[in-house]
Structure formats: structure tokens, C-alpha cells
Amino acid sequence: MLPTISIELLTLSNPVQTAFDGALTAELFLLGRLLFGGILAFNGLNHLLDSEAMVGYAGAKGVPAPGLMVPFTGGLLLFGGLGIMAGVVPTLAAGALVAFLLITTPLMHDFWAVPEEQKQGELINFMKNIALAGAALALFAISATAWPYSLL
């Protein structure tokens, strides 16, 4: 009987908080979304505006049909980034970013297969993209929760 009473007292004295109940939590989450989504949306826009150079680079990395894949991935990044920023269809937006990052990172930043003078730069970009994928996965994990300051 005593363990039950103490568990009930513990539960009553420590009410469960939701993810965005803390002071400035919603505002900091919005700022994080704007920074994270903004960088990815900018990169997507860059894919579309500088597609000639991007197609050449993707072709050199062995991407199949780079003329189609560069605009496709640019659109994916733009959609995902803007979706995260606005809090609109966050499951689709975060999912698109996760897919993009996990598929393209080992293909485009294959530090293990490049000449020695390129290894450091490719390793840095590989690790950066893995960190971005982790953030996208975290957003995907909470995408079913209502996000504060969302446009829809």
C-alpha cells in the first residue's frame, strides 16, 4: 500500500509538462526551425539557381541522371526547409529532409574514396550532413505534435 501512495503523491506533485510549456520554449523552437529550415531552403534554391554547376558536380560524383536529380533534390530541400520554417506539413517536410540527407550524404561526400587532398573537406561535409540528418530525425519524431507558431 505504501508504494502506491508514494507513487500517487509523486505524480500529483510533478505534473507532466508538454514539449513547449517552458519559458521561451516555443520561441526558441521557432528560432531553431527558422535557422535549420532556412539553411536547407537556401541550399535548395541554390540547386535550382546554379543548376549547371550542380549538375556537373553531381555527374562527377556518379549521380545517375544529374540533370533530373539536381532540380529534384533542390525542390526537395526547398520544400523541406520551408515546411520546417513555417511548421506546415512537418511530417512530410522533415521526412523529405531525412531521406535527402541519408541518401545523398554517402554518395556526394564519400571521403573514403577521394584523393588524400580532398578527404578533409569531404569528411567535414559528411559529418555536417549527418548532424543535419540527426536534427531532421528529431523534428520528424515530434512532427505529430502541434508546433507553436505554425502557419497552418
Protein backbone atom coordinates (compact mmCIF):
# COMPACT_ATOMS: atom_id res chain seq x y z
CA MET A 1 0.00 0.00 0.00
CA LEU A 2 2.76 2.49 0.82
CA PRO A 3 4.48 2.28 -2.60
CA THR A 4 1.16 3.05 -4.28
CA ILE A 5 0.57 6.10 -2.08
CA SER A 6 4.07 7.47 -2.66
CA ILE A 7 3.78 7.00 -6.42
CA GLU A 8 0.44 8.83 -6.42
CA LEU A 9 1.90 11.67 -4.35
CA LEU A 10 4.89 11.90 -6.68
CA THR A 11 2.60 12.07 -9.69
CA LEU A 12 0.43 14.77 -8.13
CA SER A 13 3.38 16.96 -7.13
CA ASN A 14 5.12 16.71 -10.54
CA PRO A 15 2.54 17.30 -13.28
CA VAL A 16 3.64 16.24 -16.74
CA GLN A 17 4.76 19.09 -18.97
CA THR A 18 4.28 19.13 -22.71
CA ALA A 19 7.20 19.85 -25.00
CA PHE A 20 6.52 23.58 -25.35
CA ASP A 21 5.38 24.58 -21.84
CA GLY A 22 8.69 26.02 -20.60
CA ALA A 23 9.62 29.69 -20.59
CA LEU A 24 10.55 30.79 -24.13
CA THR A 25 10.50 27.16 -25.31
CA ALA A 26 8.07 27.87 -28.16
CA GLU A 27 10.05 30.91 -29.26
CA LEU A 28 13.37 29.05 -29.16
CA PHE A 29 11.83 26.17 -31.10
CA LEU A 30 10.64 28.65 -33.74
CA LEU A 31 14.11 30.22 -33.93
CA GLY A 32 15.67 26.77 -34.34
CA ARG A 33 13.18 25.92 -37.09
CA LEU A 34 13.92 29.18 -38.91
CA LEU A 35 17.70 28.65 -38.75
CA PHE A 36 17.60 24.94 -39.66
CA GLY A 37 14.92 25.21 -42.33
CA GLY A 38 16.37 28.43 -43.74
CA ILE A 39 19.78 26.90 -44.42
CA LEU A 40 18.23 23.90 -46.16
CA ALA A 41 15.77 26.02 -48.16
CA PHE A 42 18.66 28.26 -49.24
CA ASN A 43 20.62 25.21 -50.38
CA GLY A 44 17.59 24.00 -52.32
CA LEU A 45 17.25 27.38 -54.00
CA ASN A 46 20.96 27.25 -54.84
CA HIS A 47 20.41 23.86 -56.51
CA LEU A 48 17.81 25.47 -58.74
CA LEU A 49 19.58 28.76 -59.48
CA ASP A 50 23.06 27.30 -60.02
CA SER A 51 21.92 24.06 -61.58
CA GLU A 52 24.58 23.98 -64.32
CA ALA A 53 27.44 23.82 -61.81
CA MET A 54 25.49 21.48 -59.54
CA VAL A 55 24.72 19.11 -62.43
CA GLY A 56 28.41 18.98 -63.34
CA TYR A 57 29.42 18.23 -59.75
CA ALA A 58 26.69 15.60 -59.32
CA GLY A 59 27.71 13.97 -62.61
CA ALA A 60 31.35 13.85 -61.49
CA LYS A 61 30.21 12.11 -58.29
CA GLY A 62 28.37 9.45 -60.31
CA VAL A 63 24.81 10.59 -59.66
CA PRO A 64 22.51 8.96 -62.23
CA ALA A 65 20.63 11.44 -64.44
CA PRO A 66 22.13 14.51 -62.73
CA GLY A 67 20.14 16.85 -64.96
CA LEU A 68 16.96 15.49 -63.37
CA MET A 69 18.24 14.76 -59.89
CA VAL A 70 19.68 18.21 -59.16
CA PRO A 71 16.37 20.07 -59.69
CA PHE A 72 14.51 17.26 -57.91
CA THR A 73 16.74 17.41 -54.84
CA GLY A 74 16.69 21.21 -54.97
CA GLY A 75 12.91 21.11 -54.83
CA LEU A 76 13.06 18.56 -52.01
CA LEU A 77 15.37 20.79 -49.96
CA LEU A 78 13.30 23.88 -50.68
CA PHE A 79 10.05 22.11 -49.75
CA GLY A 80 11.52 20.56 -46.61
CA GLY A 81 13.23 23.72 -45.44
CA LEU A 82 10.20 25.96 -45.99
CA GLY A 83 7.91 23.36 -44.42
CA ILE A 84 10.04 23.24 -41.27
CA MET A 85 10.27 27.03 -41.09
CA ALA A 86 6.52 27.51 -41.48
CA GLY A 87 5.51 24.44 -39.48
CA VAL A 88 3.41 23.32 -42.43
CA VAL A 89 3.14 19.57 -43.08
CA PRO A 90 6.07 18.97 -40.71
CA THR A 91 5.98 15.18 -41.10
CA LEU A 92 6.39 15.41 -44.87
CA ALA A 93 8.91 18.25 -44.64
CA ALA A 94 11.12 16.55 -42.04
CA GLY A 95 10.74 13.19 -43.78
CA ALA A 96 11.85 14.68 -47.09
CA LEU A 97 14.93 16.16 -45.42
CA VAL A 98 15.78 12.90 -43.66
CA ALA A 99 15.51 10.98 -46.93
CA PHE A 100 17.58 13.52 -48.84
CA LEU A 101 20.34 13.68 -46.23
CA LEU A 102 20.61 9.94 -45.62
CA ILE A 103 20.64 9.07 -49.32
CA THR A 104 22.83 11.83 -50.74
CA THR A 105 25.41 12.19 -47.97
CA PRO A 106 27.35 8.97 -48.60
CA LEU A 107 27.07 9.47 -52.36
CA MET A 108 28.20 13.09 -52.52
CA HIS A 109 30.66 13.17 -49.61
CA ASP A 110 32.46 9.84 -49.94
CA PHE A 111 35.58 10.87 -48.03
CA TRP A 112 36.82 7.27 -48.04
CA ALA A 113 37.06 7.20 -51.85
CA VAL A 114 38.65 10.54 -52.73
CA PRO A 115 42.29 11.56 -53.08
CA GLU A 116 44.10 12.48 -49.86
CA GLU A 117 43.92 16.24 -50.51
CA GLN A 118 40.10 16.07 -50.72
CA LYS A 119 39.49 13.80 -47.70
CA GLN A 120 39.30 16.53 -45.05
CA GLY A 121 36.75 18.64 -46.93
CA GLU A 122 34.58 15.65 -47.78
CA LEU A 123 34.77 14.37 -44.19
CA ILE A 124 33.67 17.77 -42.85
CA ASN A 125 30.71 17.88 -45.25
CA PHE A 126 29.83 14.25 -44.47
CA MET A 127 29.80 14.91 -40.72
CA LYS A 128 27.83 18.17 -41.16
CA ASN A 129 25.18 16.33 -43.15
CA ILE A 130 24.98 13.56 -40.55
CA ALA A 131 24.36 16.23 -37.89
CA LEU A 132 21.67 17.80 -40.10
CA ALA A 133 20.10 14.35 -40.59
CA GLY A 134 20.03 13.94 -36.80
CA ALA A 135 18.22 17.25 -36.41
CA ALA A 136 15.77 16.33 -39.18
CA LEU A 137 15.13 12.98 -37.47
CA ALA A 138 14.44 14.77 -34.17
CA LEU A 139 11.95 17.08 -35.92
CA PHE A 140 10.39 14.08 -37.66
CA ALA A 141 10.00 12.37 -34.26
CA ILE A 142 7.93 15.28 -32.91
CA SER A 143 6.17 16.14 -36.16
CA ALA A 144 2.84 14.71 -34.95
CA THR A 145 2.88 17.20 -32.05
CA ALA A 146 1.31 20.62 -32.67
CA TRP A 147 4.14 23.07 -33.34
CA PRO A 148 3.83 26.58 -31.92
CA TYR A 149 3.89 29.49 -34.35
CA SER A 150 2.94 27.30 -37.33
CA LEU A 151 1.22 28.91 -40.28
CA LEU A 152 -1.39 26.15 -40.50
